[in-house]
Amino acid sequence: MSIVLCTWGDIIEGGTEEALTLASKLSGESGADLYWLVIGDAAGAAMELAARYGVASLDTIADTRLEGFGPDALVTALAQYCEQTSPGTILFNQTVSARLVAPRLAGRLGVPVVMNGFDVTASDGSLNVTATAYGGDTHVVYSLASPVNVISIVTTSIEASSASTATAPVTREIPVDLETVDERFKVTSPASAEGARLEDAEIIVSGGRGLGSADNYKLVIELAEALGGMHGASRAIVDDGWIDSSRQVGLTGKITRPGLYLAAGISGASQHMAGCSAARVIVAIDTDPDASIYRYARYGIVGDCTEVLPELIKAAQA
């Protein structure tokens, strides 16, 4: 049985190379061929990556009903693909849409599913999947003995590393029948995002309720601009309406891996840390010396962030 990584979209999503790294490692351990299924315009840019990461077969599916990447059409197409190619391990890079599609595909196929995985190893005919649980507070290892398994991978802790040799994969177009598929939910006003993405930022300054008021969030924006980075937020202040949800970092927001993450007035709840704990350096500012954020931070400032941030802005602008 093969290993297949499932991808869709108009571009290659961030984290894809990291997912290919893990899939290539698992392929070497298990001796199973690695397939990569790419749906959408991203297929055109996938060939070079496929060769670099030891993909044996680059597969595509073309159907007009997949143009909007609706979950009903995707799940049906993926299920038909699996029926035709019989993969043993079905991997997803855990994007927002993959969180919805992966469990549904597992349900359609009647096979186990593990979400929030970050490592997979093969041992004695089974798979051991290490995943986060309880919002990232703990790690668990699932032993999967089923012949077919669906695994969704959070890639923020994986370093991309290409295979030792590059070999051009074969290419295949897999036929599917989506004539009877009709999306049950229609998107009438899709969300739009302009400019750089928070997930790709090298420097992020985020604010939380410790800022005291929505007016003080401007300090976060000013420091982020002074450092040449982007501004983020905790779910608490997004829920309070201080900033829109596109800036939310955390388990239900953006999963980031910047070089520098500065958290101002954020206590460090596990749900938030799930979105930033992969940062190379975390700097925390909080009045509570026992705040959870200090368990993750390399540098910490115990103090009022509304007093500390203006000084950091001055230093950054000097």
C-alpha atoms as a PDB file:
ATOM      1  CA  MET A   1       0.000   0.000   0.000  1.00  0.00           C
ATOM      2  CA  SER A   2       1.142   3.538  -0.749  1.00  0.00           C
ATOM      3  CA  ILE A   3       1.278   6.781   1.193  1.00  0.00           C
ATOM      4  CA  VAL A   4      -0.589   9.729  -0.317  1.00  0.00           C
ATOM      5  CA  LEU A   5      -0.467  13.408   0.612  1.00  0.00           C
ATOM      6  CA  CYS A   6      -3.649  15.240  -0.396  1.00  0.00           C
ATOM      7  CA  THR A   7      -3.397  18.898  -1.444  1.00  0.00           C
ATOM      8  CA  TRP A   8      -5.756  21.346  -3.128  1.00  0.00           C
ATOM      9  CA  GLY A   9      -5.873  25.028  -3.950  1.00  0.00           C
ATOM     10  CA  ASP A  10      -4.636  27.641  -6.390  1.00  0.00           C
ATOM     11  CA  ILE A  11      -1.200  27.864  -4.730  1.00  0.00           C
ATOM     12  CA  ILE A  12       1.066  25.538  -2.779  1.00  0.00           C
ATOM     13  CA  GLU A  13      -0.004  26.143   0.835  1.00  0.00           C
ATOM     14  CA  GLY A  14       2.547  26.931   3.522  1.00  0.00           C
ATOM     15  CA  GLY A  15       3.574  23.786   5.350  1.00  0.00           C
ATOM     16  CA  THR A  16       3.354  21.598   2.252  1.00  0.00           C
ATOM     17  CA  GLU A  17       7.105  21.053   2.019  1.00  0.00           C
ATOM     18  CA  GLU A  18       7.187  20.120   5.704  1.00  0.00           C
ATOM     19  CA  ALA A  19       4.350  17.640   5.145  1.00  0.00           C
ATOM     20  CA  LEU A  20       6.244  16.182   2.183  1.00  0.00           C
ATOM     21  CA  THR A  21       9.318  15.859   4.409  1.00  0.00           C
ATOM     22  CA  LEU A  22       7.398  13.774   6.933  1.00  0.00           C
ATOM     23  CA  ALA A  23       5.713  11.748   4.180  1.00  0.00           C
ATOM     24  CA  SER A  24       9.076  11.044   2.529  1.00  0.00           C
ATOM     25  CA  LYS A  25      10.553   9.910   5.851  1.00  0.00           C
ATOM     26  CA  LEU A  26       7.600   7.608   6.462  1.00  0.00           C
ATOM     27  CA  SER A  27       7.923   6.233   2.934  1.00  0.00           C
ATOM     28  CA  GLY A  28      11.547   5.322   3.595  1.00  0.00           C
ATOM     29  CA  GLU A  29      10.713   3.640   6.910  1.00  0.00           C
ATOM     30  CA  SER A  30       7.779   1.622   5.623  1.00  0.00           C
ATOM     31  CA  GLY A  31       8.964   0.895   2.091  1.00  0.00           C
ATOM     32  CA  ALA A  32       5.670   2.233   0.697  1.00  0.00           C
ATOM     33  CA  ASP A  33       5.683   4.447  -2.400  1.00  0.00           C
ATOM     34  CA  LEU A  34       4.833   8.104  -1.867  1.00  0.00           C
ATOM     35  CA  TYR A  35       2.047   9.597  -3.985  1.00  0.00           C
ATOM     36  CA  TRP A  36       1.038  13.249  -4.026  1.00  0.00           C
ATOM     37  CA  LEU A  37      -2.501  14.137  -5.062  1.00  0.00           C
ATOM     38  CA  VAL A  38      -2.807  17.799  -6.107  1.00  0.00           C
ATOM     39  CA  ILE A  39      -6.174  19.325  -7.044  1.00  0.00           C
ATOM     40  CA  GLY A  40      -6.376  22.804  -8.577  1.00  0.00           C
ATOM     41  CA  ASP A  41      -3.944  25.248 -10.181  1.00  0.00           C
ATOM     42  CA  ALA A  42      -1.230  24.349  -7.668  1.00  0.00           C
ATOM     43  CA  ALA A  43      -0.591  21.184  -9.681  1.00  0.00           C
ATOM     44  CA  GLY A  44       1.418  23.214 -12.184  1.00  0.00           C
ATOM     45  CA  ALA A  45       3.974  24.183  -9.539  1.00  0.00           C
ATOM     46  CA  ALA A  46       4.094  20.787  -7.853  1.00  0.00           C
ATOM     47  CA  MET A  47       6.393  18.882 -10.207  1.00  0.00           C
ATOM     48  CA  GLU A  48       9.668  20.375  -8.939  1.00  0.00           C
ATOM     49  CA  LEU A  49       8.691  19.819  -5.304  1.00  0.00           C
ATOM     50  CA  ALA A  50       7.558  16.278  -6.065  1.00  0.00           C
ATOM     51  CA  ALA A  51      10.976  15.448  -7.521  1.00  0.00           C
ATOM     52  CA  ARG A  52      12.813  16.984  -4.561  1.00  0.00           C
ATOM     53  CA  TYR A  53      10.861  15.040  -1.949  1.00  0.00           C
ATOM     54  CA  GLY A  54      10.937  11.583  -3.493  1.00  0.00           C
ATOM     55  CA  VAL A  55       7.361  11.455  -4.785  1.00  0.00           C
ATOM     56  CA  ALA A  56       6.855   8.387  -6.983  1.00  0.00           C
ATOM     57  CA  SER A  57       3.610   9.554  -8.588  1.00  0.00           C
ATOM     58  CA  LEU A  58       2.151  13.050  -8.919  1.00  0.00           C
ATOM     59  CA  ASP A  59      -1.602  12.586  -9.314  1.00  0.00           C
ATOM     60  CA  THR A  60      -4.217  15.125 -10.364  1.00  0.00           C
ATOM     61  CA  ILE A  61      -8.002  15.264 -10.565  1.00  0.00           C
ATOM     62  CA  ALA A  62      -9.788  17.634 -12.926  1.00  0.00           C
ATOM     63  CA  ASP A  63     -13.504  18.393 -12.690  1.00  0.00           C
ATOM     64  CA  THR A  64     -15.423  21.670 -12.911  1.00  0.00           C
ATOM     65  CA  ARG A  65     -17.226  20.864  -9.646  1.00  0.00           C
ATOM     66  CA  LEU A  66     -13.879  21.101  -7.836  1.00  0.00           C
ATOM     67  CA  GLU A  67     -13.179  24.663  -8.943  1.00  0.00           C
ATOM     68  CA  GLY A  68     -14.523  26.211  -5.743  1.00  0.00           C
ATOM     69  CA  PHE A  69     -12.885  23.523  -3.555  1.00  0.00           C
ATOM     70  CA  GLY A  70     -16.185  22.895  -1.762  1.00  0.00           C
ATOM     71  CA  PRO A  71     -15.947  20.221   0.948  1.00  0.00           C
ATOM     72  CA  ASP A  72     -18.680  17.979  -0.464  1.00  0.00           C
ATOM     73  CA  ALA A  73     -16.986  17.763  -3.866  1.00  0.00           C
ATOM     74  CA  LEU A  74     -13.534  17.349  -2.323  1.00  0.00           C
ATOM     75  CA  VAL A  75     -14.592  14.538   0.002  1.00  0.00           C
ATOM     76  CA  THR A  76     -16.326  12.689  -2.853  1.00  0.00           C
ATOM     77  CA  ALA A  77     -13.342  13.126  -5.191  1.00  0.00           C
ATOM     78  CA  LEU A  78     -10.862  12.018  -2.528  1.00  0.00           C
ATOM     79  CA  ALA A  79     -12.961   8.983  -1.630  1.00  0.00           C
ATOM     80  CA  GLN A  80     -13.118   7.913  -5.277  1.00  0.00           C
ATOM     81  CA  TYR A  81      -9.378   8.480  -5.629  1.00  0.00           C
ATOM     82  CA  CYS A  82      -8.698   6.262  -2.609  1.00  0.00           C
ATOM     83  CA  GLU A  83     -10.983   3.551  -3.945  1.00  0.00           C
ATOM     84  CA  GLN A  84      -9.010   3.501  -7.206  1.00  0.00           C
ATOM     85  CA  THR A  85      -5.463   3.751  -5.802  1.00  0.00           C
ATOM     86  CA  SER A  86      -5.838   1.937  -2.431  1.00  0.00           C
ATOM     87  CA  PRO A  87      -3.431   4.012  -0.290  1.00  0.00           C
ATOM     88  CA  GLY A  88      -2.630   2.721   3.187  1.00  0.00           C
ATOM     89  CA  THR A  89      -1.805   6.101   4.735  1.00  0.00           C
ATOM     90  CA  ILE A  90      -3.675   9.250   3.723  1.00  0.00           C
ATOM     91  CA  LEU A  91      -1.950  12.433   4.895  1.00  0.00           C
ATOM     92  CA  PHE A  92      -3.152  16.041   5.058  1.00  0.00           C
ATOM     93  CA  ASN A  93      -1.287  19.253   5.771  1.00  0.00           C
ATOM     94  CA  GLN A  94      -3.644  20.556   8.479  1.00  0.00           C
ATOM     95  CA  THR A  95      -4.895  23.760   6.900  1.00  0.00           C
ATOM     96  CA  VAL A  96      -8.242  25.261   7.862  1.00  0.00           C
ATOM     97  CA  SER A  97     -10.044  23.423   5.052  1.00  0.00           C
ATOM     98  CA  ALA A  98      -8.203  20.163   5.763  1.00  0.00           C
ATOM     99  CA  ARG A  99      -9.572  20.217   9.319  1.00  0.00           C
ATOM    100  CA  LEU A 100     -13.011  19.882   7.763  1.00  0.00           C
ATOM    101  CA  VAL A 101     -12.204  17.470   4.940  1.00  0.00           C
ATOM    102  CA  ALA A 102      -9.913  14.917   6.642  1.00  0.00           C
ATOM    103  CA  PRO A 103     -12.419  13.651   9.271  1.00  0.00           C
ATOM    104  CA  ARG A 104     -15.187  13.512   6.690  1.00  0.00           C
ATOM    105  CA  LEU A 105     -13.045  11.476   4.327  1.00  0.00           C
ATOM    106  CA  ALA A 106     -12.202   9.051   7.141  1.00  0.00           C
ATOM    107  CA  GLY A 107     -15.903   8.733   7.912  1.00  0.00           C
ATOM    108  CA  ARG A 108     -16.706   8.121   4.241  1.00  0.00           C
ATOM    109  CA  LEU A 109     -14.040   5.391   4.044  1.00  0.00           C
ATOM    110  CA  GLY A 110     -14.844   3.959   7.487  1.00  0.00           C
ATOM    111  CA  VAL A 111     -11.234   4.203   8.688  1.00  0.00           C
ATOM    112  CA  PRO A 112      -9.463   5.757  11.734  1.00  0.00           C
ATOM    113  CA  VAL A 113      -8.451   9.420  11.719  1.00  0.00           C
ATOM    114  CA  VAL A 114      -5.922  11.312  13.847  1.00  0.00           C
ATOM    115  CA  MET A 115      -5.840  15.108  13.849  1.00  0.00           C
ATOM    116  CA  ASN A 116      -3.116  17.443  15.189  1.00  0.00           C
ATOM    117  CA  GLY A 117      -0.320  14.964  14.473  1.00  0.00           C
ATOM    118  CA  PHE A 118       3.235  16.186  14.148  1.00  0.00           C
ATOM    119  CA  ASP A 119       5.215  12.972  13.756  1.00  0.00           C
ATOM    120  CA  VAL A 120       4.492   9.561  12.241  1.00  0.00           C
ATOM    121  CA  THR A 121       6.713   6.497  12.406  1.00  0.00           C
ATOM    122  CA  ALA A 122       6.286   2.970  11.084  1.00  0.00           C
ATOM    123  CA  SER A 123       6.888   0.027  13.429  1.00  0.00           C
ATOM    124  CA  ASP A 124       6.003  -3.669  13.174  1.00  0.00           C
ATOM    125  CA  GLY A 125       3.249  -3.162  10.641  1.00  0.00           C
ATOM    126  CA  SER A 126       1.545  -0.324  12.516  1.00  0.00           C
ATOM    127  CA  LEU A 127       1.842   3.456  12.584  1.00  0.00           C
ATOM    128  CA  ASN A 128       2.705   5.464  15.675  1.00  0.00           C
ATOM    129  CA  VAL A 129       1.292   8.980  15.424  1.00  0.00           C
ATOM    130  CA  THR A 130       2.448  11.612  17.913  1.00  0.00           C
ATOM    131  CA  ALA A 131      -0.125  14.363  18.275  1.00  0.00           C
ATOM    132  CA  THR A 132      -1.044  17.256  20.527  1.00  0.00           C
ATOM    133  CA  ALA A 133      -4.055  16.964  22.813  1.00  0.00           C
ATOM    134  CA  TYR A 134      -6.028  19.208  25.182  1.00  0.00           C
ATOM    135  CA  GLY A 135      -5.236  22.316  23.178  1.00  0.00           C
ATOM    136  CA  GLY A 136      -1.517  21.527  23.050  1.00  0.00           C
ATOM    137  CA  ASP A 137      -1.073  20.963  26.790  1.00  0.00           C
ATOM    138  CA  THR A 138       0.101  17.393  26.301  1.00  0.00           C
ATOM    139  CA  HIS A 139       1.361  14.978  23.655  1.00  0.00           C
ATOM    140  CA  VAL A 140      -0.155  11.581  22.967  1.00  0.00           C
ATOM    141  CA  VAL A 141       0.967   8.658  20.814  1.00  0.00           C
ATOM    142  CA  TYR A 142      -1.653   6.721  18.865  1.00  0.00           C
ATOM    143  CA  SER A 143      -0.809   3.243  17.615  1.00  0.00           C
ATOM    144  CA  LEU A 144      -2.768   2.550  14.421  1.00  0.00           C
ATOM    145  CA  ALA A 145      -2.989  -1.048  13.269  1.00  0.00           C
ATOM    146  CA  SER A 146      -5.718  -0.500  10.668  1.00  0.00           C
ATOM    147  CA  PRO A 147      -4.652  -1.186   7.053  1.00  0.00           C
ATOM    148  CA  VAL A 148      -5.898   2.299   6.056  1.00  0.00           C
ATOM    149  CA  ASN A 149      -5.534   5.455   8.182  1.00  0.00           C
ATOM    150  CA  VAL A 150      -6.167   9.185   7.739  1.00  0.00           C
ATOM    151  CA  ILE A 151      -3.688  11.503   9.480  1.00  0.00           C
ATOM    152  CA  SER A 152      -3.737  15.306   9.546  1.00  0.00           C
ATOM    153  CA  ILE A 153      -0.349  16.890  10.247  1.00  0.00           C
ATOM    154  CA  VAL A 154       0.401  20.210  11.964  1.00  0.00           C
ATOM    155  CA  THR A 155       3.696  21.094  10.310  1.00  0.00           C
ATOM    156  CA  THR A 156       4.954  23.987  12.461  1.00  0.00           C
ATOM    157  CA  SER A 157       7.469  21.799  14.323  1.00  0.00           C
ATOM    158  CA  ILE A 158       8.799  20.064  11.170  1.00  0.00           C
ATOM    159  CA  GLU A 159      11.860  21.346   9.322  1.00  0.00           C
ATOM    160  CA  ALA A 160      11.606  20.917   5.559  1.00  0.00           C
ATOM    161  CA  SER A 161      14.342  18.639   4.234  1.00  0.00           C
ATOM    162  CA  SER A 162      14.396  17.318   0.674  1.00  0.00           C
ATOM    163  CA  ALA A 163      15.240  13.726  -0.204  1.00  0.00           C
ATOM    164  CA  SER A 164      18.887  12.793  -0.825  1.00  0.00           C
ATOM    165  CA  THR A 165      18.202  12.150  -4.506  1.00  0.00           C
ATOM    166  CA  ALA A 166      15.763  13.870  -6.866  1.00  0.00           C
ATOM    167  CA  THR A 167      13.799  11.706  -9.282  1.00  0.00           C
ATOM    168  CA  ALA A 168      11.065  12.957 -11.596  1.00  0.00           C
ATOM    169  CA  PRO A 169       7.771  11.309 -10.640  1.00  0.00           C
ATOM    170  CA  VAL A 170       5.328   9.755 -13.042  1.00  0.00           C
ATOM    171  CA  THR A 171       2.175  11.811 -13.573  1.00  0.00           C
ATOM    172  CA  ARG A 172      -1.365  10.494 -13.599  1.00  0.00           C
ATOM    173  CA  GLU A 173      -4.783  12.068 -14.020  1.00  0.00           C
ATOM    174  CA  ILE A 174      -7.303  10.109 -11.983  1.00  0.00           C
ATOM    175  CA  PRO A 175     -10.895  10.151 -13.312  1.00  0.00           C
ATOM    176  CA  VAL A 176     -13.761  10.794 -10.892  1.00  0.00           C
ATOM    177  CA  ASP A 177     -17.524  11.088 -11.265  1.00  0.00           C
ATOM    178  CA  LEU A 178     -18.947  14.119  -9.456  1.00  0.00           C
ATOM    179  CA  GLU A 179     -22.148  14.495 -11.487  1.00  0.00           C
ATOM    180  CA  THR A 180     -24.405  13.946  -8.472  1.00  0.00           C
ATOM    181  CA  VAL A 181     -22.452  16.158  -6.054  1.00  0.00           C
ATOM    182  CA  ASP A 182     -24.121  19.375  -4.968  1.00  0.00           C
ATOM    183  CA  GLU A 183     -22.577  21.500  -2.226  1.00  0.00           C
ATOM    184  CA  ARG A 184     -24.972  21.685   0.710  1.00  0.00           C
ATOM    185  CA  PHE A 185     -23.615  25.050   1.829  1.00  0.00           C
ATOM    186  CA  LYS A 186     -23.034  27.878  -0.615  1.00  0.00           C
ATOM    187  CA  VAL A 187     -20.523  30.679   0.025  1.00  0.00           C
ATOM    188  CA  THR A 188     -22.287  33.867  -1.023  1.00  0.00           C
ATOM    189  CA  SER A 189     -19.637  36.304   0.189  1.00  0.00           C
ATOM    190  CA  PRO A 190     -16.180  34.742   0.438  1.00  0.00           C
ATOM    191  CA  ALA A 191     -13.655  36.176   2.860  1.00  0.00           C
ATOM    192  CA  SER A 192     -10.891  38.099   1.142  1.00  0.00           C
ATOM    193  CA  ALA A 193      -7.381  38.748   2.345  1.00  0.00           C
ATOM    194  CA  GLU A 194      -4.954  41.209   0.848  1.00  0.00           C
ATOM    195  CA  GLY A 195      -1.228  41.557   1.296  1.00  0.00           C
ATOM    196  CA  ALA A 196       1.096  39.387   3.342  1.00  0.00           C
ATOM    197  CA  ARG A 197      -0.223  36.452   5.344  1.00  0.00           C
ATOM    198  CA  LEU A 198       0.260  36.198   9.102  1.00  0.00           C
ATOM    199  CA  GLU A 199       1.281  32.551   8.679  1.00  0.00           C
ATOM    200  CA  ASP A 200       4.276  33.626   6.574  1.00  0.00           C
ATOM    201  CA  ALA A 201       5.469  36.490   8.796  1.00  0.00           C
ATOM    202  CA  GLU A 202       9.022  36.342  10.140  1.00  0.00           C
ATOM    203  CA  ILE A 203       8.205  38.771  12.979  1.00  0.00           C
ATOM    204  CA  ILE A 204       4.848  38.923  14.781  1.00  0.00           C
ATOM    205  CA  VAL A 205       3.788  41.202  17.631  1.00  0.00           C
ATOM    206  CA  SER A 206       0.556  40.023  19.258  1.00  0.00           C
ATOM    207  CA  GLY A 207      -1.637  41.618  21.889  1.00  0.00           C
ATOM    208  CA  GLY A 208      -4.089  40.268  24.442  1.00  0.00           C
ATOM    209  CA  ARG A 209      -6.415  41.498  27.172  1.00  0.00           C
ATOM    210  CA  GLY A 210      -3.417  42.677  29.180  1.00  0.00           C
ATOM    211  CA  LEU A 211      -3.444  45.729  26.903  1.00  0.00           C
ATOM    212  CA  GLY A 212      -6.383  46.953  28.966  1.00  0.00           C
ATOM    213  CA  SER A 213      -8.432  48.478  26.158  1.00  0.00           C
ATOM    214  CA  ALA A 214      -8.965  48.355  22.425  1.00  0.00           C
ATOM    215  CA  ASP A 215      -7.315  51.777  22.064  1.00  0.00           C
ATOM    216  CA  ASN A 216      -4.036  50.359  23.351  1.00  0.00           C
ATOM    217  CA  TYR A 217      -3.887  47.809  20.535  1.00  0.00           C
ATOM    218  CA  LYS A 218      -2.402  50.596  18.411  1.00  0.00           C
ATOM    219  CA  LEU A 219       0.826  50.045  20.397  1.00  0.00           C
ATOM    220  CA  VAL A 220       0.994  46.500  19.045  1.00  0.00           C
ATOM    221  CA  ILE A 221       0.516  47.774  15.501  1.00  0.00           C
ATOM    222  CA  GLU A 222       3.185  50.472  15.930  1.00  0.00           C
ATOM    223  CA  LEU A 223       5.779  48.051  17.307  1.00  0.00           C
ATOM    224  CA  ALA A 224       5.066  45.502  14.581  1.00  0.00           C
ATOM    225  CA  GLU A 225       5.554  48.180  11.918  1.00  0.00           C
ATOM    226  CA  ALA A 226       8.742  49.448  13.579  1.00  0.00           C
ATOM    227  CA  LEU A 227      10.176  45.925  13.565  1.00  0.00           C
ATOM    228  CA  GLY A 228       9.113  45.238   9.989  1.00  0.00           C
ATOM    229  CA  GLY A 229       6.662  42.552  11.071  1.00  0.00           C
ATOM    230  CA  MET A 230       2.932  41.933  11.337  1.00  0.00           C
ATOM    231  CA  HIS A 231       0.488  42.345  14.212  1.00  0.00           C
ATOM    232  CA  GLY A 232      -1.554  39.513  15.698  1.00  0.00           C
ATOM    233  CA  ALA A 233      -3.982  38.962  18.535  1.00  0.00           C
ATOM    234  CA  SER A 234      -5.302  36.476  21.040  1.00  0.00           C
ATOM    235  CA  ARG A 235      -8.781  35.041  20.623  1.00  0.00           C
ATOM    236  CA  ALA A 236      -9.955  36.955  23.697  1.00  0.00           C
ATOM    237  CA  ILE A 237      -9.597  40.382  22.084  1.00  0.00           C
ATOM    238  CA  VAL A 238     -10.885  39.107  18.735  1.00  0.00           C
ATOM    239  CA  ASP A 239     -14.038  37.917  20.525  1.00  0.00           C
ATOM    240  CA  ASP A 240     -14.257  41.308  22.245  1.00  0.00           C
ATOM    241  CA  GLY A 241     -14.147  43.049  18.862  1.00  0.00           C
ATOM    242  CA  TRP A 242     -10.831  44.857  19.324  1.00  0.00           C
ATOM    243  CA  ILE A 243      -9.449  43.426  16.066  1.00  0.00           C
ATOM    244  CA  ASP A 244     -10.821  41.246  13.263  1.00  0.00           C
ATOM    245  CA  SER A 245     -10.412  37.480  13.214  1.00  0.00           C
ATOM    246  CA  SER A 246      -7.846  37.526  10.385  1.00  0.00           C
ATOM    247  CA  ARG A 247      -5.293  38.542  13.052  1.00  0.00           C
ATOM    248  CA  GLN A 248      -6.075  35.745  15.498  1.00  0.00           C
ATOM    249  CA  VAL A 249      -3.207  33.446  16.432  1.00  0.00           C
ATOM    250  CA  GLY A 250      -4.005  30.094  18.015  1.00  0.00           C
ATOM    251  CA  LEU A 251      -5.648  26.736  17.694  1.00  0.00           C
ATOM    252  CA  THR A 252      -8.768  28.236  16.084  1.00  0.00           C
ATOM    253  CA  GLY A 253      -6.844  30.996  14.300  1.00  0.00           C
ATOM    254  CA  LYS A 254      -3.551  31.200  12.439  1.00  0.00           C
ATOM    255  CA  ILE A 255      -0.812  28.640  13.006  1.00  0.00           C
ATOM    256  CA  THR A 256       2.464  30.558  12.736  1.00  0.00           C
ATOM    257  CA  ARG A 257       6.192  29.824  12.936  1.00  0.00           C
ATOM    258  CA  PRO A 258       7.989  33.194  12.921  1.00  0.00           C
ATOM    259  CA  GLY A 259      11.577  33.882  13.864  1.00  0.00           C
ATOM    260  CA  LEU A 260      10.373  36.282  16.558  1.00  0.00           C
ATOM    261  CA  TYR A 261       7.021  36.246  18.350  1.00  0.00           C
ATOM    262  CA  LEU A 262       6.393  39.011  20.870  1.00  0.00           C
ATOM    263  CA  ALA A 263       3.349  38.464  23.079  1.00  0.00           C
ATOM    264  CA  ALA A 264       2.091  41.554  24.897  1.00  0.00           C
ATOM    265  CA  GLY A 265      -0.524  41.039  27.602  1.00  0.00           C
ATOM    266  CA  ILE A 266      -1.135  37.412  26.636  1.00  0.00           C
ATOM    267  CA  SER A 267      -1.220  34.914  29.505  1.00  0.00           C
ATOM    268  CA  GLY A 268      -0.211  31.918  27.382  1.00  0.00           C
ATOM    269  CA  ALA A 269      -3.278  29.676  27.283  1.00  0.00           C
ATOM    270  CA  SER A 270      -2.589  26.407  25.488  1.00  0.00           C
ATOM    271  CA  GLN A 271      -5.023  27.271  22.692  1.00  0.00           C
ATOM    272  CA  HIS A 272      -3.031  30.398  21.878  1.00  0.00           C
ATOM    273  CA  MET A 273       0.350  28.719  22.192  1.00  0.00           C
ATOM    274  CA  ALA A 274      -0.724  26.086  19.663  1.00  0.00           C
ATOM    275  CA  GLY A 275      -0.504  28.879  17.091  1.00  0.00           C
ATOM    276  CA  CYS A 276       2.907  30.308  18.013  1.00  0.00           C
ATOM    277  CA  SER A 277       4.928  27.791  20.047  1.00  0.00           C
ATOM    278  CA  ALA A 278       6.977  26.870  16.954  1.00  0.00           C
ATOM    279  CA  ALA A 279       8.488  30.386  16.880  1.00  0.00           C
ATOM    280  CA  ARG A 280      12.268  30.339  17.153  1.00  0.00           C
ATOM    281  CA  VAL A 281      12.208  33.076  19.800  1.00  0.00           C
ATOM    282  CA  ILE A 282       9.260  34.081  21.985  1.00  0.00           C
ATOM    283  CA  VAL A 283       9.353  37.299  24.015  1.00  0.00           C
ATOM    284  CA  ALA A 284       6.626  37.784  26.621  1.00  0.00           C
ATOM    285  CA  ILE A 285       5.383  40.875  28.439  1.00  0.00           C
ATOM    286  CA  ASP A 286       2.907  40.291  31.265  1.00  0.00           C
ATOM    287  CA  THR A 287       2.261  41.651  34.758  1.00  0.00           C
ATOM    288  CA  ASP A 288       1.850  38.165  36.236  1.00  0.00           C
ATOM    289  CA  PRO A 289       5.258  36.536  36.903  1.00  0.00           C
ATOM    290  CA  ASP A 290       3.520  33.138  37.038  1.00  0.00           C
ATOM    291  CA  ALA A 291       1.789  33.488  33.655  1.00  0.00           C
ATOM    292  CA  SER A 292       1.953  30.365  31.481  1.00  0.00           C
ATOM    293  CA  ILE A 293       3.534  32.345  28.656  1.00  0.00           C
ATOM    294  CA  TYR A 294       6.843  32.404  30.541  1.00  0.00           C
ATOM    295  CA  ARG A 295       7.119  28.614  30.221  1.00  0.00           C
ATOM    296  CA  TYR A 296       7.550  29.103  26.475  1.00  0.00           C
ATOM    297  CA  ALA A 297       9.365  32.439  26.321  1.00  0.00           C
ATOM    298  CA  ARG A 298      13.109  32.771  25.868  1.00  0.00           C
ATOM    299  CA  TYR A 299      12.919  36.334  27.162  1.00  0.00           C
ATOM    300  CA  GLY A 300      10.331  37.774  29.532  1.00  0.00           C
ATOM    301  CA  ILE A 301       9.494  41.203  30.889  1.00  0.00           C
ATOM    302  CA  VAL A 302       7.302  41.258  33.991  1.00  0.00           C
ATOM    303  CA  GLY A 303       5.488  44.537  33.695  1.00  0.00           C
ATOM    304  CA  ASP A 304       2.605  46.514  32.250  1.00  0.00           C
ATOM    305  CA  CYS A 305       2.755  46.142  28.477  1.00  0.00           C
ATOM    306  CA  THR A 306       1.222  49.602  28.003  1.00  0.00           C
ATOM    307  CA  GLU A 307       4.346  51.003  29.663  1.00  0.00           C
ATOM    308  CA  VAL A 308       6.842  48.611  28.083  1.00  0.00           C
ATOM    309  CA  LEU A 309       5.586  48.768  24.477  1.00  0.00           C
ATOM    310  CA  PRO A 310       6.175  52.532  24.008  1.00  0.00           C
ATOM    311  CA  GLU A 311       9.792  52.068  25.133  1.00  0.00           C
ATOM    312  CA  LEU A 312      10.279  49.186  22.711  1.00  0.00           C
ATOM    313  CA  ILE A 313       8.796  51.299  19.914  1.00  0.00           C
ATOM    314  CA  LYS A 314      11.262  54.083  20.663  1.00  0.00           C
ATOM    315  CA  ALA A 315      14.163  51.630  20.656  1.00  0.00           C
ATOM    316  CA  ALA A 316      13.021  50.038  17.383  1.00  0.00           C
ATOM    317  CA  GLN A 317      12.671  53.431  15.706  1.00  0.00           C
ATOM    318  CA  ALA A 318      16.011  54.754  16.960  1.00  0.00           C
END
